[in-house]
N, C-alpha and C. Protein backbone atom coordinates (compact mmCIF):
# COMPACT_ATOMS: atom_id res chain seq x y z
N UNK A 1 2.50 -2.28 37.18
CA UNK A 1 1.29 -1.84 36.52
C UNK A 1 1.64 -0.96 35.33
N UNK A 2 0.92 -1.18 34.26
CA UNK A 2 1.10 -0.38 33.06
C UNK A 2 -0.29 0.11 32.63
N UNK A 3 -0.41 1.39 32.40
CA UNK A 3 -1.66 1.94 31.88
C UNK A 3 -1.43 2.38 30.44
N UNK A 4 -2.37 2.03 29.58
CA UNK A 4 -2.21 2.26 28.15
C UNK A 4 -3.35 3.13 27.63
N UNK A 5 -3.00 4.11 26.81
CA UNK A 5 -4.00 5.02 26.24
C UNK A 5 -3.74 5.15 24.75
N UNK A 6 -4.71 4.70 23.95
CA UNK A 6 -4.59 4.80 22.50
C UNK A 6 -5.11 6.16 22.01
N UNK A 7 -4.59 6.57 20.87
CA UNK A 7 -5.07 7.78 20.22
C UNK A 7 -4.76 7.69 18.73
N UNK A 8 -5.35 8.61 17.97
CA UNK A 8 -5.04 8.70 16.55
C UNK A 8 -6.03 8.04 15.62
N UNK A 9 -7.04 7.41 16.16
CA UNK A 9 -8.05 6.81 15.31
C UNK A 9 -8.86 7.88 14.60
N UNK A 10 -9.66 7.45 13.63
CA UNK A 10 -10.49 8.38 12.90
C UNK A 10 -11.07 7.78 11.66
N UNK A 11 -11.55 8.66 10.79
CA UNK A 11 -12.18 8.25 9.54
C UNK A 11 -11.21 8.53 8.38
N UNK A 12 -11.04 7.54 7.54
CA UNK A 12 -10.13 7.69 6.39
C UNK A 12 -10.73 6.96 5.20
N UNK A 13 -10.42 7.43 4.01
CA UNK A 13 -10.92 6.76 2.80
C UNK A 13 -10.07 5.53 2.49
N UNK A 14 -10.68 4.61 1.82
CA UNK A 14 -9.96 3.41 1.39
C UNK A 14 -8.74 3.81 0.57
N UNK A 15 -7.63 3.13 0.84
CA UNK A 15 -6.38 3.46 0.18
C UNK A 15 -5.54 4.46 0.94
N UNK A 16 -6.12 5.08 1.94
CA UNK A 16 -5.43 6.07 2.73
C UNK A 16 -4.60 5.48 3.84
N UNK A 17 -4.03 6.37 4.65
CA UNK A 17 -3.15 5.96 5.74
C UNK A 17 -3.58 6.61 7.05
N UNK A 18 -3.20 5.95 8.12
CA UNK A 18 -3.51 6.46 9.45
C UNK A 18 -2.47 5.88 10.41
N UNK A 19 -2.08 6.65 11.40
CA UNK A 19 -1.19 6.13 12.43
C UNK A 19 -1.87 6.27 13.78
N UNK A 20 -1.98 5.15 14.46
CA UNK A 20 -2.49 5.15 15.83
C UNK A 20 -1.34 4.98 16.79
N UNK A 21 -1.49 5.59 17.96
CA UNK A 21 -0.44 5.57 18.98
C UNK A 21 -0.99 5.00 20.27
N UNK A 22 -0.07 4.52 21.08
CA UNK A 22 -0.43 3.99 22.39
C UNK A 22 0.61 4.49 23.38
N UNK A 23 0.18 5.36 24.27
CA UNK A 23 1.08 5.90 25.28
C UNK A 23 0.95 5.10 26.57
N UNK A 24 2.08 4.72 27.13
CA UNK A 24 2.09 3.90 28.33
C UNK A 24 2.65 4.66 29.51
N UNK A 25 2.09 4.39 30.67
CA UNK A 25 2.63 4.95 31.89
C UNK A 25 3.51 3.90 32.55
N UNK A 26 4.38 4.32 33.41
CA UNK A 26 5.20 3.36 34.11
C UNK A 26 6.60 3.26 33.57
N UNK A 27 7.56 3.14 34.47
CA UNK A 27 8.96 3.10 34.08
C UNK A 27 9.36 1.76 33.49
N UNK A 28 8.46 0.75 33.59
CA UNK A 28 8.81 -0.58 33.11
C UNK A 28 8.33 -0.84 31.69
N UNK A 29 7.84 0.19 31.01
CA UNK A 29 7.30 0.00 29.66
C UNK A 29 8.29 -0.72 28.76
N UNK A 30 9.55 -0.36 28.86
CA UNK A 30 10.54 -0.92 27.94
C UNK A 30 10.79 -2.40 28.16
N UNK A 31 10.25 -2.96 29.23
CA UNK A 31 10.43 -4.39 29.48
C UNK A 31 9.29 -5.23 28.89
N UNK A 32 8.27 -4.58 28.34
CA UNK A 32 7.11 -5.28 27.84
C UNK A 32 7.14 -5.41 26.32
N UNK A 33 6.79 -6.59 25.84
CA UNK A 33 6.43 -6.70 24.43
C UNK A 33 5.05 -6.05 24.26
N UNK A 34 4.82 -5.46 23.10
CA UNK A 34 3.58 -4.74 22.87
C UNK A 34 2.87 -5.29 21.64
N UNK A 35 1.56 -5.33 21.73
CA UNK A 35 0.77 -5.83 20.61
C UNK A 35 -0.37 -4.89 20.27
N UNK A 36 -0.84 -5.03 19.05
CA UNK A 36 -2.06 -4.36 18.60
C UNK A 36 -3.07 -5.43 18.21
N UNK A 37 -4.30 -5.20 18.64
CA UNK A 37 -5.42 -6.06 18.28
C UNK A 37 -6.53 -5.18 17.74
N UNK A 38 -7.51 -5.81 17.13
CA UNK A 38 -8.69 -5.06 16.70
C UNK A 38 -9.92 -5.93 16.90
N UNK A 39 -11.06 -5.23 17.02
CA UNK A 39 -12.29 -5.95 17.31
C UNK A 39 -13.48 -5.19 16.77
N UNK A 40 -14.34 -5.92 16.10
CA UNK A 40 -15.62 -5.38 15.63
C UNK A 40 -16.71 -5.84 16.59
N UNK A 41 -17.81 -5.12 16.65
CA UNK A 41 -18.91 -5.52 17.55
C UNK A 41 -19.37 -6.95 17.27
N UNK A 42 -19.48 -7.74 18.31
CA UNK A 42 -19.96 -9.10 18.16
C UNK A 42 -18.95 -10.10 17.66
N UNK A 43 -17.72 -9.62 17.45
CA UNK A 43 -16.69 -10.53 16.95
C UNK A 43 -15.56 -10.67 17.97
N UNK A 44 -14.75 -11.69 17.79
CA UNK A 44 -13.63 -11.91 18.69
C UNK A 44 -12.52 -10.89 18.41
N UNK A 45 -11.73 -10.63 19.45
CA UNK A 45 -10.60 -9.72 19.29
C UNK A 45 -9.54 -10.41 18.43
N UNK A 46 -9.07 -9.69 17.43
CA UNK A 46 -8.18 -10.26 16.42
C UNK A 46 -6.79 -9.67 16.53
N UNK A 47 -5.79 -10.53 16.49
CA UNK A 47 -4.40 -10.09 16.53
C UNK A 47 -4.04 -9.33 15.26
N UNK A 48 -3.27 -8.25 15.43
CA UNK A 48 -2.81 -7.46 14.29
C UNK A 48 -1.29 -7.49 14.18
N UNK A 49 -0.61 -7.12 15.27
CA UNK A 49 0.85 -7.02 15.20
C UNK A 49 1.43 -7.05 16.60
N UNK A 50 2.71 -7.41 16.68
CA UNK A 50 3.42 -7.45 17.96
C UNK A 50 4.85 -7.02 17.74
N UNK A 51 5.43 -6.40 18.78
CA UNK A 51 6.82 -5.98 18.74
C UNK A 51 7.47 -6.33 20.06
N UNK A 52 8.69 -6.82 20.01
CA UNK A 52 9.40 -7.18 21.23
C UNK A 52 9.82 -5.94 22.00
N UNK A 53 10.29 -6.16 23.24
CA UNK A 53 10.60 -5.02 24.11
C UNK A 53 11.68 -4.13 23.49
N UNK A 54 12.59 -4.72 22.76
CA UNK A 54 13.68 -3.94 22.17
C UNK A 54 13.30 -3.33 20.83
N UNK A 55 12.20 -3.80 20.26
CA UNK A 55 11.84 -3.37 18.92
C UNK A 55 12.53 -4.14 17.83
N UNK A 56 13.30 -5.14 18.22
CA UNK A 56 14.10 -5.84 17.23
C UNK A 56 13.34 -6.86 16.40
N UNK A 57 12.23 -7.33 16.92
CA UNK A 57 11.46 -8.35 16.21
C UNK A 57 10.00 -7.94 16.16
N UNK A 58 9.42 -8.06 14.97
CA UNK A 58 8.01 -7.76 14.80
C UNK A 58 7.30 -8.96 14.17
N UNK A 59 6.02 -9.01 14.36
CA UNK A 59 5.22 -10.12 13.86
C UNK A 59 3.85 -9.58 13.49
N UNK A 60 3.33 -10.02 12.32
CA UNK A 60 2.09 -9.47 11.82
C UNK A 60 1.10 -10.57 11.43
N UNK A 61 -0.16 -10.22 11.53
CA UNK A 61 -1.19 -11.06 10.97
C UNK A 61 -1.08 -11.02 9.44
N UNK A 62 -1.42 -12.11 8.80
CA UNK A 62 -1.31 -12.17 7.34
C UNK A 62 -2.18 -11.10 6.68
N UNK A 63 -3.28 -10.77 7.31
CA UNK A 63 -4.22 -9.82 6.71
C UNK A 63 -3.67 -8.39 6.63
N UNK A 64 -2.62 -8.09 7.41
CA UNK A 64 -2.08 -6.73 7.41
C UNK A 64 -0.62 -6.68 6.97
N UNK A 65 -0.02 -7.83 6.77
CA UNK A 65 1.39 -7.88 6.42
C UNK A 65 1.65 -7.10 5.13
N UNK A 66 2.67 -6.26 5.15
CA UNK A 66 2.99 -5.44 3.99
C UNK A 66 2.25 -4.12 3.95
N UNK A 67 1.24 -3.95 4.78
CA UNK A 67 0.47 -2.69 4.82
C UNK A 67 0.64 -1.95 6.14
N UNK A 68 0.76 -2.70 7.22
CA UNK A 68 0.86 -2.11 8.55
C UNK A 68 2.28 -2.27 9.08
N UNK A 69 2.71 -1.31 9.89
CA UNK A 69 4.02 -1.38 10.52
C UNK A 69 3.89 -1.00 11.99
N UNK A 70 4.37 -1.88 12.85
CA UNK A 70 4.39 -1.59 14.28
C UNK A 70 5.79 -1.11 14.65
N UNK A 71 5.86 -0.12 15.53
CA UNK A 71 7.15 0.40 15.99
C UNK A 71 6.97 0.91 17.40
N UNK A 72 8.08 1.21 18.06
CA UNK A 72 8.01 1.72 19.41
C UNK A 72 9.14 2.69 19.67
N UNK A 73 8.89 3.59 20.59
CA UNK A 73 9.90 4.54 21.06
C UNK A 73 9.92 4.41 22.58
N UNK A 74 10.89 3.68 23.09
CA UNK A 74 10.93 3.43 24.53
C UNK A 74 11.24 4.70 25.32
N UNK A 75 11.90 5.65 24.71
CA UNK A 75 12.17 6.92 25.40
C UNK A 75 10.89 7.71 25.62
N UNK A 76 9.91 7.49 24.75
CA UNK A 76 8.63 8.20 24.86
C UNK A 76 7.53 7.31 25.42
N UNK A 77 7.88 6.08 25.76
CA UNK A 77 6.88 5.13 26.28
C UNK A 77 5.68 5.01 25.34
N UNK A 78 5.97 4.88 24.07
CA UNK A 78 4.90 4.88 23.08
C UNK A 78 5.13 3.80 22.04
N UNK A 79 4.05 3.16 21.63
CA UNK A 79 4.08 2.21 20.53
C UNK A 79 3.13 2.73 19.45
N UNK A 80 3.50 2.48 18.21
CA UNK A 80 2.76 3.02 17.08
C UNK A 80 2.29 1.89 16.15
N UNK A 81 1.24 2.17 15.42
CA UNK A 81 0.81 1.29 14.35
C UNK A 81 0.53 2.17 13.14
N UNK A 82 1.43 2.10 12.17
CA UNK A 82 1.26 2.83 10.91
C UNK A 82 0.47 1.95 9.96
N UNK A 83 -0.65 2.46 9.49
CA UNK A 83 -1.54 1.68 8.64
C UNK A 83 -1.65 2.34 7.27
N UNK A 84 -1.20 1.64 6.26
CA UNK A 84 -1.24 2.14 4.89
C UNK A 84 -2.16 1.26 4.04
N UNK A 85 -2.55 1.78 2.90
CA UNK A 85 -3.41 1.04 1.97
C UNK A 85 -4.62 0.46 2.69
N UNK A 86 -5.26 1.30 3.46
CA UNK A 86 -6.37 0.84 4.29
C UNK A 86 -7.55 0.39 3.45
N UNK A 87 -8.24 -0.61 3.96
CA UNK A 87 -9.40 -1.20 3.30
C UNK A 87 -10.60 -1.07 4.22
N UNK A 88 -11.81 -1.08 3.65
CA UNK A 88 -13.00 -1.00 4.52
C UNK A 88 -13.03 -2.11 5.58
N UNK A 89 -12.49 -3.28 5.25
CA UNK A 89 -12.49 -4.37 6.22
C UNK A 89 -11.51 -4.15 7.37
N UNK A 90 -10.71 -3.09 7.31
CA UNK A 90 -9.85 -2.73 8.44
C UNK A 90 -10.60 -1.92 9.49
N UNK A 91 -11.85 -1.59 9.22
CA UNK A 91 -12.66 -0.84 10.17
C UNK A 91 -12.89 -1.65 11.44
N UNK A 92 -12.47 -1.11 12.57
CA UNK A 92 -12.55 -1.82 13.84
C UNK A 92 -12.19 -0.83 14.95
N UNK A 93 -12.35 -1.29 16.18
CA UNK A 93 -11.72 -0.63 17.32
C UNK A 93 -10.35 -1.28 17.51
N UNK A 94 -9.34 -0.44 17.57
CA UNK A 94 -7.96 -0.93 17.71
C UNK A 94 -7.50 -0.76 19.15
N UNK A 95 -6.93 -1.85 19.69
CA UNK A 95 -6.46 -1.87 21.07
C UNK A 95 -4.97 -2.17 21.10
N UNK A 96 -4.27 -1.50 22.00
CA UNK A 96 -2.90 -1.92 22.26
C UNK A 96 -2.88 -2.71 23.57
N UNK A 97 -1.87 -3.55 23.68
CA UNK A 97 -1.77 -4.44 24.82
C UNK A 97 -0.31 -4.67 25.16
N UNK A 98 -0.04 -4.90 26.44
CA UNK A 98 1.33 -5.13 26.91
C UNK A 98 1.46 -6.57 27.41
N UNK A 99 2.55 -7.18 27.02
CA UNK A 99 2.83 -8.56 27.40
C UNK A 99 4.13 -8.58 28.20
N UNK A 100 4.04 -8.96 29.47
CA UNK A 100 5.22 -8.95 30.32
C UNK A 100 5.76 -10.34 30.57
N UNK A 101 6.80 -10.40 31.38
CA UNK A 101 7.38 -11.67 31.76
C UNK A 101 8.48 -12.11 30.82
N UNK A 102 9.26 -13.07 31.28
CA UNK A 102 10.39 -13.58 30.50
C UNK A 102 10.06 -14.86 29.77
N UNK A 103 8.95 -15.49 30.12
CA UNK A 103 8.55 -16.71 29.45
C UNK A 103 7.82 -16.37 28.16
N UNK A 104 8.27 -16.99 27.08
CA UNK A 104 7.62 -16.69 25.78
C UNK A 104 6.19 -17.18 25.80
N UNK A 105 5.30 -16.34 25.32
CA UNK A 105 3.90 -16.71 25.16
C UNK A 105 3.49 -16.39 23.73
N UNK A 106 2.62 -17.19 23.15
CA UNK A 106 2.22 -16.93 21.76
C UNK A 106 1.73 -15.51 21.58
N UNK A 107 2.13 -14.83 20.52
CA UNK A 107 1.81 -13.42 20.37
C UNK A 107 0.39 -13.14 19.91
N UNK A 108 -0.30 -14.15 19.40
CA UNK A 108 -1.59 -13.87 18.77
C UNK A 108 -2.79 -14.01 19.69
N UNK A 109 -2.60 -14.58 20.85
CA UNK A 109 -3.73 -14.80 21.75
C UNK A 109 -3.95 -13.66 22.71
N UNK A 110 -5.14 -13.07 22.72
CA UNK A 110 -5.41 -11.95 23.63
C UNK A 110 -5.17 -12.31 25.10
N UNK A 111 -5.42 -13.55 25.47
CA UNK A 111 -5.25 -13.94 26.87
C UNK A 111 -3.79 -13.93 27.29
N UNK A 112 -2.87 -13.85 26.34
CA UNK A 112 -1.44 -13.83 26.66
C UNK A 112 -0.91 -12.43 26.92
N UNK A 113 -1.80 -11.46 26.98
CA UNK A 113 -1.41 -10.08 27.26
C UNK A 113 -1.94 -9.68 28.63
N UNK A 114 -1.20 -8.80 29.28
CA UNK A 114 -1.47 -8.49 30.68
C UNK A 114 -2.23 -7.18 30.88
N UNK A 115 -2.02 -6.23 30.02
CA UNK A 115 -2.64 -4.92 30.18
C UNK A 115 -3.19 -4.47 28.83
N UNK A 116 -4.31 -3.73 28.90
CA UNK A 116 -5.00 -3.29 27.69
C UNK A 116 -5.37 -1.81 27.78
N UNK A 117 -5.39 -1.17 26.63
CA UNK A 117 -5.93 0.17 26.55
C UNK A 117 -7.43 0.12 26.32
N UNK A 118 -8.02 1.30 26.18
CA UNK A 118 -9.47 1.40 26.04
C UNK A 118 -9.92 1.31 24.59
N UNK A 119 -8.99 1.42 23.66
CA UNK A 119 -9.30 1.28 22.25
C UNK A 119 -9.52 2.61 21.55
N UNK A 120 -9.28 2.62 20.25
CA UNK A 120 -9.53 3.78 19.41
C UNK A 120 -10.18 3.32 18.11
N UNK A 121 -11.23 4.02 17.68
CA UNK A 121 -11.99 3.61 16.52
C UNK A 121 -11.29 4.03 15.23
N UNK A 122 -11.16 3.08 14.32
CA UNK A 122 -10.67 3.35 12.98
C UNK A 122 -11.76 2.97 11.99
N UNK A 123 -12.16 3.91 11.17
CA UNK A 123 -13.21 3.66 10.19
C UNK A 123 -12.68 3.99 8.80
N UNK A 124 -12.77 3.01 7.91
CA UNK A 124 -12.30 3.17 6.54
C UNK A 124 -13.51 3.16 5.62
N UNK A 125 -13.72 4.27 4.91
CA UNK A 125 -14.87 4.36 4.02
C UNK A 125 -14.49 3.92 2.62
N UNK A 126 -15.46 3.35 1.93
CA UNK A 126 -15.20 2.85 0.57
C UNK A 126 -15.44 3.92 -0.48
């Protein structure tokens, strides 16, 4: 079992930066690939970024590539999403998710993740 708690969301002006964090419980955190998703009311949950258990490989949605950076600190059981050059369309609730197992599963599908946090609101004003 892995429990995830996001933090760091807030209100920021367009062009600004924000870093959201996801703290995980459990000694097995370092065995999970971690992802970030976002979701607006009435819309489907959208993939943002993913990082492998070692941190060696990252993958991003085209909409955030070059602006967002996912990273992790396994010693602190924490994954981060650094968001730069924010746009109003980045306004969403951001969720972190853990993907376990040794079988590769596509990184962009929410159903391929096993555990979810409660989300943190990010609002970008124009």
